[in-house]
Amino acid sequence: RDVKKISTDYFDSVCGIYRVTTSFIVTVIALIRVNPVICFI
């Protein structure tokens, strides 16, 4: 049970945070170029 929770709650979370962080950085750069106001909101 505990190893399964590490897989679903810890591993997936760490990988997920890295994935969404890179996605956020790339998206913000692109969105600033399109419309900075909407990006800020």
Full PDB file with SEQRES, HELIX, SHEET, SSBOND, CRYST1, ORIGX, SCALE, CONECT and MASTER records, all heavy atoms in Angstrom:
SEQRES   1 A   41  ARG ASP VAL LYS LYS ILE SER THR ASP TYR PHE ASP SER          
SEQRES   2 A   41  VAL CYS GLY ILE TYR ARG VAL THR THR SER PHE ILE VAL          
SEQRES   3 A   41  THR VAL ILE ALA LEU ILE ARG VAL ASN PRO VAL ILE CYS          
SEQRES   4 A   41  PHE ILE                                                      
HELIX    1 AA1 ASP A    2  LYS A    5  1                                   4    
HELIX    2 AA2 ILE A    6  PHE A   11  3                                   6    
HELIX    3 AA3 ASP A   12  VAL A   34  1                                  23    
HELIX    4 AA4 PRO A   36  PHE A   40  1                                   5    
CRYST1    1.000    1.000    1.000  90.00  90.00  90.00 P 1           1          
ORIGX1      1.000000  0.000000  0.000000        0.00000                         
ORIGX2      0.000000  1.000000  0.000000        0.00000                         
ORIGX3      0.000000  0.000000  1.000000        0.00000                         
SCALE1      1.000000  0.000000  0.000000        0.00000                         
SCALE2      0.000000  1.000000  0.000000        0.00000                         
SCALE3      0.000000  0.000000  1.000000        0.00000                         
ATOM      1  N   ARG A   1       0.812  -1.213   0.000  1.00  0.00           N  
ATOM      2  CA  ARG A   1       0.000   0.000   0.000  1.00  0.00           C  
ATOM      3  C   ARG A   1       0.846   1.262   0.000  1.00  0.00           C  
ATOM      4  O   ARG A   1       0.608   2.187  -0.790  1.00  0.00           O  
ATOM      5  CB  ARG A   1      -0.928   0.016   1.225  1.00  0.00           C  
ATOM      6  CG  ARG A   1      -1.783   1.272   1.295  1.00  0.00           C  
ATOM      7  CD  ARG A   1      -2.519   1.379   2.626  1.00  0.00           C  
ATOM      8  NE  ARG A   1      -3.331   2.577   2.660  1.00  0.00           N  
ATOM      9  CZ  ARG A   1      -2.877   3.796   3.005  1.00  0.00           C  
ATOM     10  NH1 ARG A   1      -1.607   3.951   3.317  1.00  0.00           N  
ATOM     11  NH2 ARG A   1      -3.685   4.828   3.007  1.00  0.00           N  
ATOM     12  N   ASP A   2       1.848   1.318   0.878  1.00  0.00           N  
ATOM     13  CA  ASP A   2       2.632   2.544   0.995  1.00  0.00           C  
ATOM     14  C   ASP A   2       3.470   2.815  -0.250  1.00  0.00           C  
ATOM     15  O   ASP A   2       3.615   3.965  -0.668  1.00  0.00           O  
ATOM     16  CB  ASP A   2       3.519   2.480   2.240  1.00  0.00           C  
ATOM     17  CG  ASP A   2       2.708   2.564   3.531  1.00  0.00           C  
ATOM     18  OD1 ASP A   2       1.532   2.934   3.447  1.00  0.00           O  
ATOM     19  OD2 ASP A   2       3.248   2.245   4.608  1.00  0.00           O  
ATOM     20  N   VAL A   3       4.042   1.764  -0.831  1.00  0.00           N  
ATOM     21  CA  VAL A   3       4.811   1.944  -2.064  1.00  0.00           C  
ATOM     22  C   VAL A   3       3.895   2.411  -3.200  1.00  0.00           C  
ATOM     23  O   VAL A   3       4.284   3.260  -4.015  1.00  0.00           O  
ATOM     24  CB  VAL A   3       5.541   0.640  -2.455  1.00  0.00           C  
ATOM     25  CG1 VAL A   3       6.078   0.722  -3.877  1.00  0.00           C  
ATOM     26  CG2 VAL A   3       6.683   0.362  -1.479  1.00  0.00           C  
ATOM     27  N   LYS A   4       2.675   1.888  -3.227  1.00  0.00           N  
ATOM     28  CA  LYS A   4       1.717   2.322  -4.250  1.00  0.00           C  
ATOM     29  C   LYS A   4       1.387   3.801  -4.080  1.00  0.00           C  
ATOM     30  O   LYS A   4       1.281   4.552  -5.060  1.00  0.00           O  
ATOM     31  CB  LYS A   4       0.439   1.488  -4.157  1.00  0.00           C  
ATOM     32  CG  LYS A   4      -0.576   1.814  -5.255  1.00  0.00           C  
ATOM     33  CD  LYS A   4      -1.798   0.927  -5.155  1.00  0.00           C  
ATOM     34  CE  LYS A   4      -2.810   1.280  -6.252  1.00  0.00           C  
ATOM     35  NZ  LYS A   4      -4.017   0.422  -6.164  1.00  0.00           N  
ATOM     36  N   LYS A   5       1.233   4.239  -2.833  1.00  0.00           N  
ATOM     37  CA  LYS A   5       0.945   5.660  -2.583  1.00  0.00           C  
ATOM     38  C   LYS A   5       2.133   6.535  -2.981  1.00  0.00           C  
ATOM     39  O   LYS A   5       1.942   7.649  -3.472  1.00  0.00           O  
ATOM     40  CB  LYS A   5       0.600   5.887  -1.108  1.00  0.00           C  
ATOM     41  CG  LYS A   5      -0.806   5.435  -0.742  1.00  0.00           C  
ATOM     42  CD  LYS A   5      -1.234   5.971   0.608  1.00  0.00           C  
ATOM     43  CE  LYS A   5      -1.512   7.462   0.572  1.00  0.00           C  
ATOM     44  NZ  LYS A   5      -2.645   7.823  -0.281  1.00  0.00           N  
ATOM     45  N   ILE A   6       3.338   6.045  -2.780  1.00  0.00           N  
ATOM     46  CA  ILE A   6       4.518   6.789  -3.224  1.00  0.00           C  
ATOM     47  C   ILE A   6       4.482   6.944  -4.738  1.00  0.00           C  
ATOM     48  O   ILE A   6       4.798   8.008  -5.282  1.00  0.00           O  
ATOM     49  CB  ILE A   6       5.811   6.061  -2.793  1.00  0.00           C  
ATOM     50  CG1 ILE A   6       5.990   6.139  -1.273  1.00  0.00           C  
ATOM     51  CG2 ILE A   6       7.025   6.648  -3.495  1.00  0.00           C  
ATOM     52  CD1 ILE A   6       6.230   7.537  -0.741  1.00  0.00           C  
ATOM     53  N   SER A   7       4.069   5.874  -5.422  1.00  0.00           N  
ATOM     54  CA  SER A   7       4.011   5.922  -6.889  1.00  0.00           C  
ATOM     55  C   SER A   7       2.974   6.930  -7.377  1.00  0.00           C  
ATOM     56  O   SER A   7       3.246   7.740  -8.266  1.00  0.00           O  
ATOM     57  CB  SER A   7       3.685   4.528  -7.437  1.00  0.00           C  
ATOM     58  OG  SER A   7       3.505   4.567  -8.841  1.00  0.00           O  
ATOM     59  N   THR A   8       1.775   6.886  -6.783  1.00  0.00           N  
ATOM     60  CA  THR A   8       0.687   7.737  -7.276  1.00  0.00           C  
ATOM     61  C   THR A   8       0.741   9.153  -6.710  1.00  0.00           C  
ATOM     62  O   THR A   8       0.435  10.124  -7.421  1.00  0.00           O  
ATOM     63  CB  THR A   8      -0.671   7.115  -6.921  1.00  0.00           C  
ATOM     64  OG1 THR A   8      -0.747   6.914  -5.501  1.00  0.00           O  
ATOM     65  CG2 THR A   8      -0.861   5.787  -7.632  1.00  0.00           C  
ATOM     66  N   ASP A   9       1.136   9.293  -5.451  1.00  0.00           N  
ATOM     67  CA  ASP A   9       1.067  10.607  -4.805  1.00  0.00           C  
ATOM     68  C   ASP A   9       2.406  11.352  -4.797  1.00  0.00           C  
ATOM     69  O   ASP A   9       2.422  12.579  -4.843  1.00  0.00           O  
ATOM     70  CB  ASP A   9       0.578  10.465  -3.362  1.00  0.00           C  
ATOM     71  CG  ASP A   9      -0.865  10.018  -3.290  1.00  0.00           C  
ATOM     72  OD1 ASP A   9      -1.507   9.934  -4.346  1.00  0.00           O  
ATOM     73  OD2 ASP A   9      -1.353   9.748  -2.187  1.00  0.00           O  
ATOM     74  N   TYR A  10       3.503  10.617  -4.729  1.00  0.00           N  
ATOM     75  CA  TYR A  10       4.802  11.297  -4.674  1.00  0.00           C  
ATOM     76  C   TYR A  10       5.436  11.385  -6.061  1.00  0.00           C  
ATOM     77  O   TYR A  10       5.738  12.480  -6.546  1.00  0.00           O  
ATOM     78  CB  TYR A  10       5.739  10.564  -3.715  1.00  0.00           C  
ATOM     79  CG  TYR A  10       7.074  11.260  -3.536  1.00  0.00           C  
ATOM     80  CD1 TYR A  10       7.223  12.271  -2.605  1.00  0.00           C  
ATOM     81  CD2 TYR A  10       8.177  10.911  -4.320  1.00  0.00           C  
ATOM     82  CE1 TYR A  10       8.439  12.930  -2.437  1.00  0.00           C  
ATOM     83  CE2 TYR A  10       9.388  11.556  -4.172  1.00  0.00           C  
ATOM     84  CZ  TYR A  10       9.516  12.559  -3.230  1.00  0.00           C  
ATOM     85  OH  TYR A  10      10.714  13.209  -3.089  1.00  0.00           O  
ATOM     86  N   PHE A  11       5.640  10.237  -6.700  1.00  0.00           N  
ATOM     87  CA  PHE A  11       6.295  10.222  -8.011  1.00  0.00           C  
ATOM     88  C   PHE A  11       5.511  11.059  -9.016  1.00  0.00           C  
ATOM     89  O   PHE A  11       6.082  11.922  -9.703  1.00  0.00           O  
ATOM     90  CB  PHE A  11       6.430   8.782  -8.512  1.00  0.00           C  
ATOM     91  CG  PHE A  11       7.024   8.666  -9.887  1.00  0.00           C  
ATOM     92  CD1 PHE A  11       8.397   8.605 -10.055  1.00  0.00           C  
ATOM     93  CD2 PHE A  11       6.223   8.640 -11.022  1.00  0.00           C  
ATOM     94  CE1 PHE A  11       8.963   8.510 -11.329  1.00  0.00           C  
ATOM     95  CE2 PHE A  11       6.766   8.543 -12.289  1.00  0.00           C  
ATOM     96  CZ  PHE A  11       8.139   8.477 -12.443  1.00  0.00           C  
ATOM     97  N   ASP A  12       4.201  10.801  -9.109  1.00  0.00           N  
ATOM     98  CA  ASP A  12       3.385  11.547 -10.078  1.00  0.00           C  
ATOM     99  C   ASP A  12       3.377  13.038  -9.772  1.00  0.00           C  
ATOM    100  O   ASP A  12       3.343  13.868 -10.687  1.00  0.00           O  
ATOM    101  CB  ASP A  12       1.954  11.007 -10.092  1.00  0.00           C  
ATOM    102  CG  ASP A  12       1.836   9.688 -10.836  1.00  0.00           C  
ATOM    103  OD1 ASP A  12       2.776   9.346 -11.572  1.00  0.00           O  
ATOM    104  OD2 ASP A  12       0.805   9.003 -10.679  1.00  0.00           O  
ATOM    105  N   SER A  13       3.401  13.396  -8.493  1.00  0.00           N  
ATOM    106  CA  SER A  13       3.373  14.807  -8.115  1.00  0.00           C  
ATOM    107  C   SER A  13       4.672  15.516  -8.478  1.00  0.00           C  
ATOM    108  O   SER A  13       4.666  16.631  -9.009  1.00  0.00           O  
ATOM    109  CB  SER A  13       3.088  14.953  -6.621  1.00  0.00           C  
ATOM    110  OG  SER A  13       1.801  14.479  -6.307  1.00  0.00           O  
ATOM    111  N   VAL A  14       5.801  14.873  -8.194  1.00  0.00           N  
ATOM    112  CA  VAL A  14       7.100  15.481  -8.524  1.00  0.00           C  
ATOM    113  C   VAL A  14       7.237  15.641 -10.037  1.00  0.00           C  
ATOM    114  O   VAL A  14       7.631  16.710 -10.534  1.00  0.00           O  
ATOM    115  CB  VAL A  14       8.259  14.634  -7.961  1.00  0.00           C  
ATOM    116  CG1 VAL A  14       9.608  15.149  -8.465  1.00  0.00           C  
ATOM    117  CG2 VAL A  14       8.238  14.658  -6.440  1.00  0.00           C  
ATOM    118  N   CYS A  15       6.892  14.571 -10.769  1.00  0.00           N  
ATOM    119  CA  CYS A  15       6.949  14.651 -12.236  1.00  0.00           C  
ATOM    120  C   CYS A  15       5.959  15.698 -12.752  1.00  0.00           C  
ATOM    121  O   CYS A  15       6.261  16.448 -13.685  1.00  0.00           O  
ATOM    122  CB  CYS A  15       6.628  13.289 -12.858  1.00  0.00           C  
ATOM    123  SG  CYS A  15       7.931  12.057 -12.636  1.00  0.00           S  
ATOM    124  N   GLY A  16       4.776  15.737 -12.138  1.00  0.00           N  
ATOM    125  CA  GLY A  16       3.747  16.685 -12.564  1.00  0.00           C  
ATOM    126  C   GLY A  16       4.170  18.125 -12.337  1.00  0.00           C  
ATOM    127  O   GLY A  16       3.942  18.996 -13.194  1.00  0.00           O  
ATOM    128  N   ILE A  17       4.791  18.391 -11.196  1.00  0.00           N  
ATOM    129  CA  ILE A  17       5.249  19.761 -10.904  1.00  0.00           C  
ATOM    130  C   ILE A  17       6.306  20.196 -11.923  1.00  0.00           C  
ATOM    131  O   ILE A  17       6.290  21.332 -12.416  1.00  0.00           O  
ATOM    132  CB  ILE A  17       5.800  19.848  -9.476  1.00  0.00           C  
ATOM    133  CG1 ILE A  17       4.636  19.763  -8.474  1.00  0.00           C  
ATOM    134  CG2 ILE A  17       6.575  21.145  -9.256  1.00  0.00           C  
ATOM    135  CD1 ILE A  17       5.070  19.647  -7.037  1.00  0.00           C  
ATOM    136  N   TYR A  18       7.217  19.282 -12.263  1.00  0.00           N  
ATOM    137  CA  TYR A  18       8.229  19.620 -13.273  1.00  0.00           C  
ATOM    138  C   TYR A  18       7.575  19.874 -14.629  1.00  0.00           C  
ATOM    139  O   TYR A  18       7.906  20.844 -15.322  1.00  0.00           O  
ATOM    140  CB  TYR A  18       9.253  18.494 -13.383  1.00  0.00           C  
ATOM    141  CG  TYR A  18      10.238  18.707 -14.522  1.00  0.00           C  
ATOM    142  CD1 TYR A  18      11.224  19.688 -14.424  1.00  0.00           C  
ATOM    143  CD2 TYR A  18      10.156  17.946 -15.690  1.00  0.00           C  
ATOM    144  CE1 TYR A  18      12.121  19.902 -15.464  1.00  0.00           C  
ATOM    145  CE2 TYR A  18      11.048  18.154 -16.731  1.00  0.00           C  
ATOM    146  CZ  TYR A  18      12.023  19.133 -16.615  1.00  0.00           C  
ATOM    147  OH  TYR A  18      12.894  19.353 -17.657  1.00  0.00           O  
ATOM    148  N   ARG A  19       6.619  19.016 -14.993  1.00  0.00           N  
ATOM    149  CA  ARG A  19       5.953  19.160 -16.297  1.00  0.00           C  
ATOM    150  C   ARG A  19       5.205  20.482 -16.406  1.00  0.00           C  
ATOM    151  O   ARG A  19       5.339  21.211 -17.393  1.00  0.00           O  
ATOM    152  CB  ARG A  19       4.990  17.989 -16.527  1.00  0.00           C  
ATOM    153  CG  ARG A  19       4.099  18.134 -17.753  1.00  0.00           C  
ATOM    154  CD  ARG A  19       3.221  16.918 -17.929  1.00  0.00           C  
ATOM    155  NE  ARG A  19       2.405  16.639 -16.761  1.00  0.00           N  
ATOM    156  CZ  ARG A  19       1.284  17.283 -16.469  1.00  0.00           C  
ATOM    157  NH1 ARG A  19       0.843  18.276 -17.237  1.00  0.00           N  
ATOM    158  NH2 ARG A  19       0.582  16.956 -15.385  1.00  0.00           N  
ATOM    159  N   VAL A  20       4.399  20.799 -15.374  1.00  0.00           N  
ATOM    160  CA  VAL A  20       3.588  22.018 -15.464  1.00  0.00           C  
ATOM    161  C   VAL A  20       4.459  23.268 -15.315  1.00  0.00           C  
ATOM    162  O   VAL A  20       4.110  24.334 -15.843  1.00  0.00           O  
ATOM    163  CB  VAL A  20       2.455  22.017 -14.417  1.00  0.00           C  
ATOM    164  CG1 VAL A  20       1.518  20.847 -14.658  1.00  0.00           C  
ATOM    165  CG2 VAL A  20       2.994  22.002 -12.999  1.00  0.00           C  
ATOM    166  N   THR A  21       5.588  23.150 -14.618  1.00  0.00           N  
ATOM    167  CA  THR A  21       6.495  24.303 -14.503  1.00  0.00           C  
ATOM    168  C   THR A  21       7.084  24.658 -15.862  1.00  0.00           C  
ATOM    169  O   THR A  21       7.119  25.834 -16.256  1.00  0.00           O  
ATOM    170  CB  THR A  21       7.626  24.004 -13.495  1.00  0.00           C  
ATOM    171  OG1 THR A  21       7.052  23.738 -12.218  1.00  0.00           O  
ATOM    172  CG2 THR A  21       8.578  25.187 -13.383  1.00  0.00           C  
ATOM    173  N   THR A  22       7.560  23.646 -16.585  1.00  0.00           N  
ATOM    174  CA  THR A  22       8.109  23.903 -17.922  1.00  0.00           C  
ATOM    175  C   THR A  22       7.015  24.413 -18.863  1.00  0.00           C  
ATOM    176  O   THR A  22       7.251  25.313 -19.673  1.00  0.00           O  
ATOM    177  CB  THR A  22       8.745  22.635 -18.510  1.00  0.00           C  
ATOM    178  OG1 THR A  22       7.783  21.562 -18.512  1.00  0.00           O  
ATOM    179  CG2 THR A  22       9.948  22.192 -17.689  1.00  0.00           C  
ATOM    180  N   SER A  23       5.808  23.830 -18.722  1.00  0.00           N  
ATOM    181  CA  SER A  23       4.684  24.275 -19.551  1.00  0.00           C  
ATOM    182  C   SER A  23       4.341  25.728 -19.247  1.00  0.00           C  
ATOM    183  O   SER A  23       4.079  26.535 -20.159  1.00  0.00           O  
ATOM    184  CB  SER A  23       3.471  23.380 -19.303  1.00  0.00           C  
ATOM    185  OG  SER A  23       2.335  23.853 -20.009  1.00  0.00           O  
ATOM    186  N   PHE A  24       4.354  26.102 -17.977  1.00  0.00           N  
ATOM    187  CA  PHE A  24       4.031  27.467 -17.575  1.00  0.00           C  
ATOM    188  C   PHE A  24       5.043  28.469 -18.152  1.00  0.00           C  
ATOM    189  O   PHE A  24       4.667  29.514 -18.693  1.00  0.00           O  
ATOM    190  CB  PHE A  24       4.012  27.555 -16.049  1.00  0.00           C  
ATOM    191  CG  PHE A  24       3.842  28.945 -15.517  1.00  0.00           C  
ATOM    192  CD1 PHE A  24       2.602  29.563 -15.539  1.00  0.00           C  
ATOM    193  CD2 PHE A  24       4.928  29.640 -15.001  1.00  0.00           C  
ATOM    194  CE1 PHE A  24       2.435  30.850 -15.047  1.00  0.00           C  
ATOM    195  CE2 PHE A  24       4.781  30.926 -14.506  1.00  0.00           C  
ATOM    196  CZ  PHE A  24       3.529  31.537 -14.533  1.00  0.00           C  
ATOM    197  N   ILE A  25       6.329  28.141 -18.016  1.00  0.00           N  
ATOM    198  CA  ILE A  25       7.378  29.056 -18.500  1.00  0.00           C  
ATOM    199  C   ILE A  25       7.254  29.291 -20.002  1.00  0.00           C  
ATOM    200  O   ILE A  25       7.276  30.436 -20.486  1.00  0.00           O  
ATOM    201  CB  ILE A  25       8.774  28.505 -18.145  1.00  0.00           C  
ATOM    202  CG1 ILE A  25       8.971  28.509 -16.619  1.00  0.00           C  
ATOM    203  CG2 ILE A  25       9.872  29.321 -18.825  1.00  0.00           C  
ATOM    204  CD1 ILE A  25      10.214  27.775 -16.160  1.00  0.00           C  
ATOM    205  N   VAL A  26       7.112  28.199 -20.756  1.00  0.00           N  
ATOM    206  CA  VAL A  26       7.007  28.315 -22.216  1.00  0.00           C  
ATOM    207  C   VAL A  26       5.735  29.078 -22.611  1.00  0.00           C  
ATOM    208  O   VAL A  26       5.756  29.941 -23.492  1.00  0.00           O  
ATOM    209  CB  VAL A  26       7.027  26.915 -22.866  1.00  0.00           C  
ATOM    210  CG1 VAL A  26       6.746  27.004 -24.364  1.00  0.00           C  
ATOM    211  CG2 VAL A  26       8.367  26.225 -22.622  1.00  0.00           C  
ATOM    212  N   THR A  27       4.634  28.783 -21.919  1.00  0.00           N  
ATOM    213  CA  THR A  27       3.360  29.426 -22.256  1.00  0.00           C  
ATOM    214  C   THR A  27       3.372  30.918 -21.932  1.00  0.00           C  
ATOM    215  O   THR A  27       2.862  31.735 -22.706  1.00  0.00           O  
ATOM    216  CB  THR A  27       2.205  28.742 -21.491  1.00  0.00           C  
ATOM    217  OG1 THR A  27       2.199  27.351 -21.796  1.00  0.00           O  
ATOM    218  CG2 THR A  27       0.867  29.337 -21.897  1.00  0.00           C  
ATOM    219  N   VAL A  28       3.938  31.288 -20.783  1.00  0.00           N  
ATOM    220  CA  VAL A  28       4.010  32.706 -20.406  1.00  0.00           C  
ATOM    221  C   VAL A  28       4.809  33.503 -21.445  1.00  0.00           C  
ATOM    222  O   VAL A  28       4.413  34.608 -21.850  1.00  0.00           O  
ATOM    223  CB  VAL A  28       4.629  32.857 -19.003  1.00  0.00           C  
ATOM    224  CG1 VAL A  28       5.046  34.310 -18.757  1.00  0.00           C  
ATOM    225  CG2 VAL A  28       3.651  32.415 -17.943  1.00  0.00           C  
ATOM    226  N   ILE A  29       5.932  32.941 -21.873  1.00  0.00           N  
ATOM    227  CA  ILE A  29       6.747  33.624 -22.894  1.00  0.00           C  
ATOM    228  C   ILE A  29       5.929  33.857 -24.158  1.00  0.00           C  
ATOM    229  O   ILE A  29       5.948  34.951 -24.747  1.00  0.00           O  
ATOM    230  CB  ILE A  29       8.011  32.799 -23.207  1.00  0.00           C  
ATOM    231  CG1 ILE A  29       8.933  32.764 -21.977  1.00  0.00           C  
ATOM    232  CG2 ILE A  29       8.751  33.375 -24.416  1.00  0.00           C  
ATOM    233  CD1 ILE A  29      10.102  31.806 -22.110  1.00  0.00           C  
ATOM    234  N   ALA A  30       5.191  32.817 -24.572  1.00  0.00           N  
ATOM    235  CA  ALA A  30       4.382  32.943 -25.792  1.00  0.00           C  
ATOM    236  C   ALA A  30       3.220  33.905 -25.591  1.00  0.00           C  
ATOM    237  O   ALA A  30       2.906  34.717 -26.477  1.00  0.00           O  
ATOM    238  CB  ALA A  30       3.860  31.562 -26.197  1.00  0.00           C  
ATOM    239  N   LEU A  31       2.569  33.857 -24.429  1.00  0.00           N  
ATOM    240  CA  LEU A  31       1.377  34.676 -24.183  1.00  0.00           C  
ATOM    241  C   LEU A  31       1.727  36.153 -24.028  1.00  0.00           C  
ATOM    242  O   LEU A  31       0.944  37.028 -24.426  1.00  0.00           O  
ATOM    243  CB  LEU A  31       0.651  34.165 -22.939  1.00  0.00           C  
ATOM    244  CG  LEU A  31      -0.796  34.639 -22.726  1.00  0.00           C  
ATOM    245  CD1 LEU A  31      -1.648  34.367 -23.957  1.00  0.00           C  
ATOM    246  CD2 LEU A  31      -1.393  33.948 -21.507  1.00  0.00           C  
ATOM    247  N   ILE A  32       2.892  36.428 -23.474  1.00  0.00           N  
ATOM    248  CA  ILE A  32       3.330  37.826 -23.357  1.00  0.00           C  
ATOM    249  C   ILE A  32       3.464  38.459 -24.746  1.00  0.00           C  
ATOM    250  O   ILE A  32       3.108  39.620 -24.960  1.00  0.00           O  
ATOM    251  CB  ILE A  32       4.659  37.914 -22.581  1.00  0.00           C  
ATOM    252  CG1 ILE A  32       4.416  37.649 -21.089  1.00  0.00           C  
ATOM    253  CG2 ILE A  32       5.323  39.274 -22.765  1.00  0.00           C  
ATOM    254  CD1 ILE A  32       5.677  37.552 -20.266  1.00  0.00           C  
ATOM    255  N   ARG A  33       3.951  37.659 -25.679  1.00  0.00           N  
ATOM    256  CA  ARG A  33       4.112  38.163 -27.045  1.00  0.00           C  
ATOM    257  C   ARG A  33       2.761  38.400 -27.722  1.00  0.00           C  
ATOM    258  O   ARG A  33       2.629  39.288 -28.571  1.00  0.00           O  
ATOM    259  CB  ARG A  33       4.947  37.181 -27.875  1.00  0.00           C  
ATOM    260  CG  ARG A  33       6.388  37.038 -27.396  1.00  0.00           C  
ATOM    261  CD  ARG A  33       7.126  35.975 -28.183  1.00  0.00           C  
ATOM    262  NE  ARG A  33       7.195  36.292 -29.607  1.00  0.00           N  
ATOM    263  CZ  ARG A  33       8.136  37.047 -30.171  1.00  0.00           C  
ATOM    264  NH1 ARG A  33       9.093  37.580 -29.416  1.00  0.00           N  
ATOM    265  NH2 ARG A  33       8.134  37.270 -31.463  1.00  0.00           N  
ATOM    266  N   VAL A  34       1.740  37.583 -27.319  1.00  0.00           N  
ATOM    267  CA  VAL A  34       0.415  37.727 -27.943  1.00  0.00           C  
ATOM    268  C   VAL A  34      -0.381  38.839 -27.281  1.00  0.00           C  
ATOM    269  O   VAL A  34      -0.918  39.744 -27.946  1.00  0.00           O  
ATOM    270  CB  VAL A  34      -0.362  36.394 -27.874  1.00  0.00           C  
ATOM    271  CG1 VAL A  34      -1.777  36.562 -28.450  1.00  0.00           C  
ATOM    272  CG2 VAL A  34       0.387  35.310 -28.639  1.00  0.00           C  
ATOM    273  N   ASN A  35      -0.494  38.788 -25.931  1.00  0.00           N  
ATOM    274  CA  ASN A  35      -1.267  39.800 -25.210  1.00  0.00           C  
ATOM    275  C   ASN A  35      -0.828  39.835 -23.748  1.00  0.00           C  
ATOM    276  O   ASN A  35      -1.277  39.033 -22.930  1.00  0.00           O  
ATOM    277  CB  ASN A  35      -2.767  39.490 -25.301  1.00  0.00           C  
ATOM    278  CG  ASN A  35      -3.626  40.666 -24.880  1.00  0.00           C  
ATOM    279  OD1 ASN A  35      -3.515  41.144 -23.758  1.00  0.00           O  
ATOM    280  ND2 ASN A  35      -4.494  41.139 -25.780  1.00  0.00           N  
ATOM    281  N   PRO A  36       0.019  40.788 -23.354  1.00  0.00           N  
ATOM    282  CA  PRO A  36       0.548  40.853 -21.990  1.00  0.00           C  
ATOM    283  C   PRO A  36      -0.536  41.058 -20.928  1.00  0.00           C  
ATOM    284  O   PRO A  36      -0.403  40.552 -19.814  1.00  0.00           O  
ATOM    285  CB  PRO A  36       1.484  42.069 -22.037  1.00  0.00           C  
ATOM    286  CG  PRO A  36       1.823  42.246 -23.476  1.00  0.00           C  
ATOM    287  CD  PRO A  36       0.606  41.813 -24.234  1.00  0.00           C  
ATOM    288  N   VAL A  37      -1.591  41.775 -21.244  1.00  0.00           N  
ATOM    289  CA  VAL A  37      -2.647  42.044 -20.269  1.00  0.00           C  
ATOM    290  C   VAL A  37      -3.346  40.753 -19.855  1.00  0.00           C  
ATOM    291  O   VAL A  37      -3.534  40.471 -18.668  1.00  0.00           O  
ATOM    292  CB  VAL A  37      -3.667  43.056 -20.837  1.00  0.00           C  
ATOM    293  CG1 VAL A  37      -4.824  43.242 -19.854  1.00  0.00           C  
ATOM    294  CG2 VAL A  37      -2.994  44.382 -21.127  1.00  0.00           C  
ATOM    295  N   ILE A  38      -3.762  39.974 -20.843  1.00  0.00           N  
ATOM    296  CA  ILE A  38      -4.431  38.701 -20.555  1.00  0.00           C  
ATOM    297  C   ILE A  38      -3.474  37.754 -19.819  1.00  0.00           C  
ATOM    298  O   ILE A  38      -3.885  37.013 -18.919  1.00  0.00           O  
ATOM    299  CB  ILE A  38      -4.954  38.062 -21.856  1.00  0.00           C  
ATOM    300  CG1 ILE A  38      -6.121  38.899 -22.409  1.00  0.00           C  
ATOM    301  CG2 ILE A  38      -5.399  36.621 -21.623  1.00  0.00           C  
ATOM    302  CD1 ILE A  38      -6.667  38.411 -23.717  1.00  0.00           C  
ATOM    303  N   CYS A  39      -2.219  37.792 -20.177  1.00  0.00           N  
ATOM    304  CA  CYS A  39      -1.211  36.967 -19.491  1.00  0.00           C  
ATOM    305  C   CYS A  39      -1.154  37.340 -18.016  1.00  0.00           C  
ATOM    306  O   CYS A  39      -1.178  36.466 -17.147  1.00  0.00           O  
ATOM    307  CB  CYS A  39       0.151  37.149 -20.143  1.00  0.00           C  
ATOM    308  SG  CYS A  39       1.468  36.192 -19.355  1.00  0.00           S  
ATOM    309  N   PHE A  40      -1.094  38.637 -17.713  1.00  0.00           N  
ATOM    310  CA  PHE A  40      -1.010  39.108 -16.333  1.00  0.00           C  
ATOM    311  C   PHE A  40      -2.244  38.698 -15.522  1.00  0.00           C  
ATOM    312  O   PHE A  40      -2.129  38.252 -14.378  1.00  0.00           O  
ATOM    313  CB  PHE A  40      -0.854  40.636 -16.317  1.00  0.00           C  
ATOM    314  CG  PHE A  40      -0.859  41.220 -14.940  1.00  0.00           C  
ATOM    315  CD1 PHE A  40       0.238  41.113 -14.104  1.00  0.00           C  
ATOM    316  CD2 PHE A  40      -1.997  41.872 -14.453  1.00  0.00           C  
ATOM    317  CE1 PHE A  40       0.231  41.640 -12.822  1.00  0.00           C  
ATOM    318  CE2 PHE A  40      -2.017  42.396 -13.170  1.00  0.00           C  
ATOM    319  CZ  PHE A  40      -0.893  42.279 -12.356  1.00  0.00           C  
ATOM    320  N   ILE A  41      -3.440  38.860 -16.114  1.00  0.00           N  
ATOM    321  CA  ILE A  41      -4.689  38.514 -15.418  1.00  0.00           C  
ATOM    322  C   ILE A  41      -4.697  37.035 -15.020  1.00  0.00           C  
ATOM    323  O   ILE A  41      -5.037  36.670 -13.888  1.00  0.00           O  
ATOM    324  CB  ILE A  41      -5.912  38.841 -16.310  1.00  0.00           C  
ATOM    325  CG1 ILE A  41      -6.065  40.362 -16.453  1.00  0.00           C  
ATOM    326  CG2 ILE A  41      -7.190  38.237 -15.720  1.00  0.00           C  
ATOM    327  CD1 ILE A  41      -7.114  40.766 -17.466  1.00  0.00           C  
TER     328      ILE A  41                                                      
MASTER        0    0    0    4    0    0    0    6  327    1    0    4          
END                                                                             
